[in-house]
Amino acid sequence: MSDVSTLLDNYWSWLKDNTHVRAVEDWYEITTPYLDRHNDFVQLYAKLDGGHYVLTDDSYTLTDLEFSGCKIDSPKRQRLLETTLNGFGISQNGKALEATATAQTFSMKKHSLVQAILAVNDMFYLARPHVRSLFVEDVEYWLDAHEIRYSPQIKLAGKSGFDHLFEFLIPKSRTQPERLVRTVNHPDRDTAQGLIMSWIDTRETRPANARAIALLNDQESAVSQSIQDALANYAIDAVLWSERESRLQEFAA
């Protein structure tokens, strides 16, 4: 228990120490320590509006995906985007991802908006323009093909009170514990760190033998061993997409 509390305290301290704010006309620009796929820091904008705060990504996330060749224009992808945003309590205003907050909920809403930006960025980014399916869609098709029961897009509250999204929850069976599955389209240090903190924050709220599984997309490039080791150090089972069939029993209900 104390180890988990220390890890969480260290994480929040790191987040606070590496978040910077500056005034930009009527808005405040918030630069976070999280990196997007361009290795740029994720930025938010906030302002006080009629007694509550508006937080927005200023349309950056969806516009950048479109410029990169990923248009979220099919009904299924629109539903997936909506479900993902709803999981974090984030709304879409045109192309902007937004949240409203009171002074009391500002930190939680800021956290949710950052996590939503990272989730949407990872989920919808296509490494090559001609790739037609999203990784999370491939995972869903695979689970369905093997008749594996699951609940999609599950939002869980962690010990901190912050929400965390897992794409699939596979329920407990007679032979297997509950499994929380996070799909990682572009495995790197930041996506691994995000999953580790989500698992640390939520595992004490789940059944004692619950497991976390990271499905890592290695279709375009190899996943570094350091990423897999980092996940394993926090009891997260790293499963490469190319090895999914040999590890089917870890998902089978």
C-alpha atoms as a PDB file:
ATOM      1  CA  MET A   1       0.000   0.000   0.000  1.00  0.00           C
ATOM      2  CA  SER A   2       2.738   2.465   0.969  1.00  0.00           C
ATOM      3  CA  ASP A   3       4.674   1.701  -2.230  1.00  0.00           C
ATOM      4  CA  VAL A   4       1.626   2.502  -4.356  1.00  0.00           C
ATOM      5  CA  SER A   5       0.955   5.712  -2.428  1.00  0.00           C
ATOM      6  CA  THR A   6       4.576   6.783  -2.867  1.00  0.00           C
ATOM      7  CA  LEU A   7       4.445   6.102  -6.602  1.00  0.00           C
ATOM      8  CA  LEU A   8       1.280   8.158  -6.948  1.00  0.00           C
ATOM      9  CA  ASP A   9       2.715  10.995  -4.867  1.00  0.00           C
ATOM     10  CA  ASN A  10       5.856  11.020  -7.008  1.00  0.00           C
ATOM     11  CA  TYR A  11       3.774  11.046 -10.170  1.00  0.00           C
ATOM     12  CA  TRP A  12       1.621  13.992  -9.106  1.00  0.00           C
ATOM     13  CA  SER A  13       4.742  15.880  -7.977  1.00  0.00           C
ATOM     14  CA  TRP A  14       6.378  15.276 -11.365  1.00  0.00           C
ATOM     15  CA  LEU A  15       3.222  16.432 -13.127  1.00  0.00           C
ATOM     16  CA  LYS A  16       2.981  19.620 -11.051  1.00  0.00           C
ATOM     17  CA  ASP A  17       6.673  20.481 -11.375  1.00  0.00           C
ATOM     18  CA  ASN A  18       6.627  20.059 -15.156  1.00  0.00           C
ATOM     19  CA  THR A  19       3.397  21.879 -15.979  1.00  0.00           C
ATOM     20  CA  HIS A  20       3.785  25.510 -17.053  1.00  0.00           C
ATOM     21  CA  VAL A  21       1.181  28.253 -17.446  1.00  0.00           C
ATOM     22  CA  ARG A  22       1.312  31.582 -19.275  1.00  0.00           C
ATOM     23  CA  ALA A  23      -1.300  34.195 -20.121  1.00  0.00           C
ATOM     24  CA  VAL A  24      -2.332  34.551 -23.778  1.00  0.00           C
ATOM     25  CA  GLU A  25      -4.818  37.424 -24.037  1.00  0.00           C
ATOM     26  CA  ASP A  26      -8.021  36.199 -22.320  1.00  0.00           C
ATOM     27  CA  TRP A  27      -6.773  32.621 -22.057  1.00  0.00           C
ATOM     28  CA  TYR A  28      -4.178  30.732 -20.069  1.00  0.00           C
ATOM     29  CA  GLU A  29      -1.950  28.382 -22.039  1.00  0.00           C
ATOM     30  CA  ILE A  30      -1.145  25.222 -20.063  1.00  0.00           C
ATOM     31  CA  THR A  31       1.870  23.245 -21.264  1.00  0.00           C
ATOM     32  CA  THR A  32       1.949  19.727 -19.844  1.00  0.00           C
ATOM     33  CA  PRO A  33       4.886  17.292 -19.685  1.00  0.00           C
ATOM     34  CA  TYR A  34       3.048  14.785 -21.881  1.00  0.00           C
ATOM     35  CA  LEU A  35       4.367  14.377 -25.420  1.00  0.00           C
ATOM     36  CA  ASP A  36       2.272  13.862 -28.531  1.00  0.00           C
ATOM     37  CA  ARG A  37       3.389  11.765 -31.499  1.00  0.00           C
ATOM     38  CA  HIS A  38       5.398  14.717 -32.851  1.00  0.00           C
ATOM     39  CA  ASN A  39       7.316  14.847 -29.546  1.00  0.00           C
ATOM     40  CA  ASP A  40       5.701  18.199 -28.802  1.00  0.00           C
ATOM     41  CA  PHE A  41       4.296  18.927 -25.362  1.00  0.00           C
ATOM     42  CA  VAL A  42       0.512  18.633 -25.139  1.00  0.00           C
ATOM     43  CA  GLN A  43      -1.003  22.066 -24.594  1.00  0.00           C
ATOM     44  CA  LEU A  44      -4.402  23.129 -23.288  1.00  0.00           C
ATOM     45  CA  TYR A  45      -6.096  26.495 -23.015  1.00  0.00           C
ATOM     46  CA  ALA A  46      -8.294  27.625 -20.141  1.00  0.00           C
ATOM     47  CA  LYS A  47     -10.299  30.697 -19.248  1.00  0.00           C
ATOM     48  CA  LEU A  48     -12.903  31.756 -16.714  1.00  0.00           C
ATOM     49  CA  ASP A  49     -16.295  32.198 -18.371  1.00  0.00           C
ATOM     50  CA  GLY A  50     -19.331  33.191 -16.337  1.00  0.00           C
ATOM     51  CA  GLY A  51     -18.384  31.478 -13.120  1.00  0.00           C
ATOM     52  CA  HIS A  52     -16.917  28.309 -14.604  1.00  0.00           C
ATOM     53  CA  TYR A  53     -13.751  27.389 -16.465  1.00  0.00           C
ATOM     54  CA  VAL A  54     -13.577  26.324 -20.105  1.00  0.00           C
ATOM     55  CA  LEU A  55     -10.709  24.020 -21.087  1.00  0.00           C
ATOM     56  CA  THR A  56      -9.960  23.246 -24.732  1.00  0.00           C
ATOM     57  CA  ASP A  57      -7.311  21.842 -27.053  1.00  0.00           C
ATOM     58  CA  ASP A  58      -8.148  24.661 -29.511  1.00  0.00           C
ATOM     59  CA  SER A  59      -9.052  22.073 -32.201  1.00  0.00           C
ATOM     60  CA  TYR A  60      -5.450  20.868 -32.443  1.00  0.00           C
ATOM     61  CA  THR A  61      -5.956  17.114 -31.946  1.00  0.00           C
ATOM     62  CA  LEU A  62      -8.579  16.384 -34.608  1.00  0.00           C
ATOM     63  CA  THR A  63      -7.151  18.903 -37.081  1.00  0.00           C
ATOM     64  CA  ASP A  64      -3.693  17.366 -36.783  1.00  0.00           C
ATOM     65  CA  LEU A  65      -5.094  13.874 -37.359  1.00  0.00           C
ATOM     66  CA  GLU A  66      -6.885  15.060 -40.498  1.00  0.00           C
ATOM     67  CA  PHE A  67      -3.704  16.661 -41.842  1.00  0.00           C
ATOM     68  CA  SER A  68      -1.942  13.347 -41.196  1.00  0.00           C
ATOM     69  CA  GLY A  69      -4.430  11.440 -43.338  1.00  0.00           C
ATOM     70  CA  CYS A  70      -6.808  10.106 -40.692  1.00  0.00           C
ATOM     71  CA  LYS A  71     -10.322  11.416 -41.181  1.00  0.00           C
ATOM     72  CA  ILE A  72     -12.882  10.385 -38.610  1.00  0.00           C
ATOM     73  CA  ASP A  73     -15.671  10.442 -41.156  1.00  0.00           C
ATOM     74  CA  SER A  74     -17.337   7.024 -40.989  1.00  0.00           C
ATOM     75  CA  PRO A  75     -20.302   6.459 -38.633  1.00  0.00           C
ATOM     76  CA  LYS A  76     -18.387   3.756 -36.762  1.00  0.00           C
ATOM     77  CA  ARG A  77     -15.366   5.974 -36.157  1.00  0.00           C
ATOM     78  CA  GLN A  78     -17.598   8.845 -35.131  1.00  0.00           C
ATOM     79  CA  ARG A  79     -19.235   6.554 -32.567  1.00  0.00           C
ATOM     80  CA  LEU A  80     -15.824   5.373 -31.368  1.00  0.00           C
ATOM     81  CA  LEU A  81     -14.673   8.974 -30.944  1.00  0.00           C
ATOM     82  CA  GLU A  82     -17.863   9.894 -29.107  1.00  0.00           C
ATOM     83  CA  THR A  83     -17.609   6.875 -26.814  1.00  0.00           C
ATOM     84  CA  THR A  84     -13.962   7.635 -26.040  1.00  0.00           C
ATOM     85  CA  LEU A  85     -14.676  11.275 -25.238  1.00  0.00           C
ATOM     86  CA  ASN A  86     -17.712  10.359 -23.148  1.00  0.00           C
ATOM     87  CA  GLY A  87     -15.523   7.975 -21.194  1.00  0.00           C
ATOM     88  CA  PHE A  88     -13.471  10.949 -20.042  1.00  0.00           C
ATOM     89  CA  GLY A  89     -16.399  13.351 -19.701  1.00  0.00           C
ATOM     90  CA  ILE A  90     -15.112  15.436 -22.626  1.00  0.00           C
ATOM     91  CA  SER A  91     -17.302  17.079 -25.271  1.00  0.00           C
ATOM     92  CA  GLN A  92     -16.645  17.935 -28.909  1.00  0.00           C
ATOM     93  CA  ASN A  93     -17.352  21.493 -30.056  1.00  0.00           C
ATOM     94  CA  GLY A  94     -16.730  21.533 -33.793  1.00  0.00           C
ATOM     95  CA  LYS A  95     -13.199  20.150 -33.969  1.00  0.00           C
ATOM     96  CA  ALA A  96     -12.280  21.257 -30.461  1.00  0.00           C
ATOM     97  CA  LEU A  97     -12.133  18.877 -27.512  1.00  0.00           C
ATOM     98  CA  GLU A  98     -13.529  20.702 -24.496  1.00  0.00           C
ATOM     99  CA  ALA A  99     -14.437  20.414 -20.843  1.00  0.00           C
ATOM    100  CA  THR A 100     -16.062  22.748 -18.346  1.00  0.00           C
ATOM    101  CA  ALA A 101     -15.033  22.846 -14.710  1.00  0.00           C
ATOM    102  CA  THR A 102     -15.541  24.591 -11.422  1.00  0.00           C
ATOM    103  CA  ALA A 103     -12.632  25.635  -9.250  1.00  0.00           C
ATOM    104  CA  GLN A 104     -13.129  22.401  -7.308  1.00  0.00           C
ATOM    105  CA  THR A 105     -13.130  20.126 -10.385  1.00  0.00           C
ATOM    106  CA  PHE A 106     -10.519  21.986 -12.449  1.00  0.00           C
ATOM    107  CA  SER A 107      -7.644  19.565 -11.768  1.00  0.00           C
ATOM    108  CA  MET A 108      -9.772  16.509 -12.502  1.00  0.00           C
ATOM    109  CA  LYS A 109     -11.165  17.979 -15.731  1.00  0.00           C
ATOM    110  CA  LYS A 110      -7.696  19.045 -16.860  1.00  0.00           C
ATOM    111  CA  HIS A 111      -6.452  15.508 -16.257  1.00  0.00           C
ATOM    112  CA  SER A 112      -9.415  14.054 -18.171  1.00  0.00           C
ATOM    113  CA  LEU A 113      -8.882  16.366 -21.150  1.00  0.00           C
ATOM    114  CA  VAL A 114      -5.180  15.500 -21.381  1.00  0.00           C
ATOM    115  CA  GLN A 115      -5.928  11.773 -21.175  1.00  0.00           C
ATOM    116  CA  ALA A 116      -8.657  12.110 -23.813  1.00  0.00           C
ATOM    117  CA  ILE A 117      -6.259  13.930 -26.155  1.00  0.00           C
ATOM    118  CA  LEU A 118      -3.633  11.215 -25.715  1.00  0.00           C
ATOM    119  CA  ALA A 119      -6.193   8.431 -26.175  1.00  0.00           C
ATOM    120  CA  VAL A 120      -7.700   9.938 -29.336  1.00  0.00           C
ATOM    121  CA  ASN A 121      -4.268  10.715 -30.751  1.00  0.00           C
ATOM    122  CA  ASP A 122      -3.054   7.159 -30.224  1.00  0.00           C
ATOM    123  CA  MET A 123      -6.286   5.445 -31.235  1.00  0.00           C
ATOM    124  CA  PHE A 124      -6.925   7.226 -34.504  1.00  0.00           C
ATOM    125  CA  TYR A 125      -3.455   7.953 -35.821  1.00  0.00           C
ATOM    126  CA  LEU A 126      -2.645   5.792 -38.851  1.00  0.00           C
ATOM    127  CA  ALA A 127       1.051   5.262 -39.443  1.00  0.00           C
ATOM    128  CA  ARG A 128       0.429   5.105 -43.204  1.00  0.00           C
ATOM    129  CA  PRO A 129      -2.405   6.897 -45.022  1.00  0.00           C
ATOM    130  CA  HIS A 130      -3.512   3.761 -46.903  1.00  0.00           C
ATOM    131  CA  VAL A 131      -4.015   1.722 -43.724  1.00  0.00           C
ATOM    132  CA  ARG A 132      -7.789   1.448 -43.569  1.00  0.00           C
ATOM    133  CA  SER A 133      -8.510  -0.020 -40.140  1.00  0.00           C
ATOM    134  CA  LEU A 134      -7.719   1.334 -36.702  1.00  0.00           C
ATOM    135  CA  PHE A 135      -5.779  -0.847 -34.297  1.00  0.00           C
ATOM    136  CA  VAL A 136      -8.602  -0.840 -31.762  1.00  0.00           C
ATOM    137  CA  GLU A 137     -10.943  -2.027 -34.539  1.00  0.00           C
ATOM    138  CA  ASP A 138      -8.541  -4.871 -35.353  1.00  0.00           C
ATOM    139  CA  VAL A 139      -8.512  -5.887 -31.689  1.00  0.00           C
ATOM    140  CA  GLU A 140     -12.310  -5.797 -31.501  1.00  0.00           C
ATOM    141  CA  TYR A 141     -12.634  -7.968 -34.626  1.00  0.00           C
ATOM    142  CA  TRP A 142     -10.134 -10.453 -33.184  1.00  0.00           C
ATOM    143  CA  LEU A 143     -11.943 -10.735 -29.854  1.00  0.00           C
ATOM    144  CA  ASP A 144     -15.263 -11.195 -31.654  1.00  0.00           C
ATOM    145  CA  ALA A 145     -13.807 -13.828 -33.990  1.00  0.00           C
ATOM    146  CA  HIS A 146     -12.725 -15.872 -30.972  1.00  0.00           C
ATOM    147  CA  GLU A 147     -16.047 -15.277 -29.185  1.00  0.00           C
ATOM    148  CA  ILE A 148     -14.358 -13.602 -26.231  1.00  0.00           C
ATOM    149  CA  ARG A 149     -16.841 -11.752 -24.027  1.00  0.00           C
ATOM    150  CA  TYR A 150     -15.981  -8.164 -23.158  1.00  0.00           C
ATOM    151  CA  SER A 151     -17.371  -4.770 -22.262  1.00  0.00           C
ATOM    152  CA  PRO A 152     -15.949  -1.973 -24.454  1.00  0.00           C
ATOM    153  CA  GLN A 153     -14.685   1.472 -23.472  1.00  0.00           C
ATOM    154  CA  ILE A 154     -14.789   1.094 -19.693  1.00  0.00           C
ATOM    155  CA  LYS A 155     -14.209   4.155 -17.497  1.00  0.00           C
ATOM    156  CA  LEU A 156     -12.874   3.369 -14.029  1.00  0.00           C
ATOM    157  CA  ALA A 157     -12.307   5.738 -11.131  1.00  0.00           C
ATOM    158  CA  GLY A 158      -8.913   5.359  -9.510  1.00  0.00           C
ATOM    159  CA  LYS A 159      -7.852   5.775  -5.913  1.00  0.00           C
ATOM    160  CA  SER A 160      -6.987   9.395  -6.734  1.00  0.00           C
ATOM    161  CA  GLY A 161     -10.567  10.056  -7.857  1.00  0.00           C
ATOM    162  CA  PHE A 162      -9.408  10.557 -11.445  1.00  0.00           C
ATOM    163  CA  ASP A 163     -10.979   8.504 -14.244  1.00  0.00           C
ATOM    164  CA  HIS A 164      -9.094   6.076 -16.475  1.00  0.00           C
ATOM    165  CA  LEU A 165     -10.281   4.470 -19.709  1.00  0.00           C
ATOM    166  CA  PHE A 166      -9.632   0.880 -20.751  1.00  0.00           C
ATOM    167  CA  GLU A 167     -10.802  -0.206 -24.194  1.00  0.00           C
ATOM    168  CA  PHE A 168     -11.946  -3.646 -23.050  1.00  0.00           C
ATOM    169  CA  LEU A 169     -12.909  -5.309 -19.780  1.00  0.00           C
ATOM    170  CA  ILE A 170     -12.993  -9.108 -19.975  1.00  0.00           C
ATOM    171  CA  PRO A 171     -15.019 -10.387 -17.017  1.00  0.00           C
ATOM    172  CA  LYS A 172     -13.986 -13.031 -14.538  1.00  0.00           C
ATOM    173  CA  SER A 173     -14.673 -16.646 -15.457  1.00  0.00           C
ATOM    174  CA  ARG A 174     -14.244 -19.957 -13.638  1.00  0.00           C
ATOM    175  CA  THR A 175     -10.612 -20.156 -14.722  1.00  0.00           C
ATOM    176  CA  GLN A 176      -9.566 -16.544 -15.338  1.00  0.00           C
ATOM    177  CA  PRO A 177      -9.689 -13.338 -13.265  1.00  0.00           C
ATOM    178  CA  GLU A 178     -11.018 -10.006 -14.474  1.00  0.00           C
ATOM    179  CA  ARG A 179      -8.801  -8.526 -17.191  1.00  0.00           C
ATOM    180  CA  LEU A 180      -8.489  -4.860 -18.129  1.00  0.00           C
ATOM    181  CA  VAL A 181      -7.156  -4.429 -21.655  1.00  0.00           C
ATOM    182  CA  ARG A 182      -5.553  -1.248 -22.978  1.00  0.00           C
ATOM    183  CA  THR A 183      -4.723  -1.133 -26.693  1.00  0.00           C
ATOM    184  CA  VAL A 184      -1.556   0.797 -27.498  1.00  0.00           C
ATOM    185  CA  ASN A 185      -1.297   1.830 -31.121  1.00  0.00           C
ATOM    186  CA  HIS A 186       2.108   3.527 -30.815  1.00  0.00           C
ATOM    187  CA  PRO A 187       3.988   2.006 -27.877  1.00  0.00           C
ATOM    188  CA  ASP A 188       6.523   4.461 -26.505  1.00  0.00           C
ATOM    189  CA  ARG A 189       7.680   5.834 -23.178  1.00  0.00           C
ATOM    190  CA  ASP A 190       4.694   8.144 -22.731  1.00  0.00           C
ATOM    191  CA  THR A 191       1.978   5.640 -23.615  1.00  0.00           C
ATOM    192  CA  ALA A 192       3.644   3.089 -21.337  1.00  0.00           C
ATOM    193  CA  GLN A 193       3.860   5.614 -18.510  1.00  0.00           C
ATOM    194  CA  GLY A 194       0.206   6.536 -18.965  1.00  0.00           C
ATOM    195  CA  LEU A 195      -0.890   2.906 -18.745  1.00  0.00           C
ATOM    196  CA  ILE A 196       1.326   2.253 -15.731  1.00  0.00           C
ATOM    197  CA  MET A 197      -0.185   5.168 -13.828  1.00  0.00           C
ATOM    198  CA  SER A 198      -3.722   4.139 -14.828  1.00  0.00           C
ATOM    199  CA  TRP A 199      -3.088   0.641 -13.499  1.00  0.00           C
ATOM    200  CA  ILE A 200      -1.413   1.809 -10.286  1.00  0.00           C
ATOM    201  CA  ASP A 201      -4.314   4.170  -9.615  1.00  0.00           C
ATOM    202  CA  THR A 202      -7.095   1.664 -10.364  1.00  0.00           C
ATOM    203  CA  ARG A 203      -5.821  -1.750  -9.295  1.00  0.00           C
ATOM    204  CA  GLU A 204      -6.694  -1.270  -5.620  1.00  0.00           C
ATOM    205  CA  THR A 205     -10.298  -0.578  -6.636  1.00  0.00           C
ATOM    206  CA  ARG A 206     -10.550  -3.829  -8.632  1.00  0.00           C
ATOM    207  CA  PRO A 207     -10.757  -7.464  -7.443  1.00  0.00           C
ATOM    208  CA  ALA A 208      -7.547  -8.626  -5.782  1.00  0.00           C
ATOM    209  CA  ASN A 209      -6.517 -10.934  -8.634  1.00  0.00           C
ATOM    210  CA  ALA A 210      -7.504  -8.626 -11.511  1.00  0.00           C
ATOM    211  CA  ARG A 211      -4.946  -8.324 -14.304  1.00  0.00           C
ATOM    212  CA  ALA A 212      -3.957  -5.593 -16.712  1.00  0.00           C
ATOM    213  CA  ILE A 213      -3.034  -6.468 -20.293  1.00  0.00           C
ATOM    214  CA  ALA A 214      -1.394  -4.147 -22.809  1.00  0.00           C
ATOM    215  CA  LEU A 215      -1.973  -5.120 -26.438  1.00  0.00           C
ATOM    216  CA  LEU A 216       0.939  -3.521 -28.283  1.00  0.00           C
ATOM    217  CA  ASN A 217       0.766  -2.763 -31.986  1.00  0.00           C
ATOM    218  CA  ASP A 218       3.966  -4.020 -33.631  1.00  0.00           C
ATOM    219  CA  GLN A 219       2.617  -4.118 -37.197  1.00  0.00           C
ATOM    220  CA  GLU A 220       4.607  -1.099 -38.373  1.00  0.00           C
ATOM    221  CA  SER A 221       7.688  -1.282 -36.163  1.00  0.00           C
ATOM    222  CA  ALA A 222       9.135  -3.421 -33.400  1.00  0.00           C
ATOM    223  CA  VAL A 223       8.247  -2.589 -29.803  1.00  0.00           C
ATOM    224  CA  SER A 224      11.362  -1.950 -27.760  1.00  0.00           C
ATOM    225  CA  GLN A 225      12.177  -4.424 -25.023  1.00  0.00           C
ATOM    226  CA  SER A 226      12.519  -1.546 -22.562  1.00  0.00           C
ATOM    227  CA  ILE A 227       8.819  -0.705 -23.040  1.00  0.00           C
ATOM    228  CA  GLN A 228       7.812  -4.315 -22.443  1.00  0.00           C
ATOM    229  CA  ASP A 229      10.073  -4.535 -19.382  1.00  0.00           C
ATOM    230  CA  ALA A 230       8.677  -1.303 -17.926  1.00  0.00           C
ATOM    231  CA  LEU A 231       5.138  -2.671 -18.171  1.00  0.00           C
ATOM    232  CA  ALA A 232       6.172  -6.014 -16.685  1.00  0.00           C
ATOM    233  CA  ASN A 233       7.781  -4.222 -13.733  1.00  0.00           C
ATOM    234  CA  TYR A 234       4.302  -3.035 -12.746  1.00  0.00           C
ATOM    235  CA  ALA A 235       2.597  -6.399 -13.315  1.00  0.00           C
ATOM    236  CA  ILE A 236       1.123  -5.428 -16.683  1.00  0.00           C
ATOM    237  CA  ASP A 237       1.141  -8.264 -19.210  1.00  0.00           C
ATOM    238  CA  ALA A 238       2.569  -6.962 -22.487  1.00  0.00           C
ATOM    239  CA  VAL A 239       1.195  -8.848 -25.503  1.00  0.00           C
ATOM    240  CA  LEU A 240       2.564  -8.091 -28.951  1.00  0.00           C
ATOM    241  CA  TRP A 241      -0.108  -8.063 -31.636  1.00  0.00           C
ATOM    242  CA  SER A 242       2.029 -10.384 -33.780  1.00  0.00           C
ATOM    243  CA  GLU A 243       1.973 -12.955 -30.940  1.00  0.00           C
ATOM    244  CA  ARG A 244      -1.718 -12.692 -30.081  1.00  0.00           C
ATOM    245  CA  GLU A 245      -2.703 -16.151 -31.315  1.00  0.00           C
ATOM    246  CA  SER A 246      -0.086 -17.889 -29.181  1.00  0.00           C
ATOM    247  CA  ARG A 247      -1.395 -16.009 -26.123  1.00  0.00           C
ATOM    248  CA  LEU A 248      -5.086 -16.418 -26.826  1.00  0.00           C
ATOM    249  CA  GLN A 249      -5.747 -18.237 -23.543  1.00  0.00           C
ATOM    250  CA  GLU A 250      -4.881 -15.088 -21.602  1.00  0.00           C
ATOM    251  CA  PHE A 251      -7.967 -13.458 -23.124  1.00  0.00           C
ATOM    252  CA  ALA A 252     -10.308 -16.417 -23.437  1.00  0.00           C
ATOM    253  CA  ALA A 253     -13.262 -16.269 -21.084  1.00  0.00           C
END
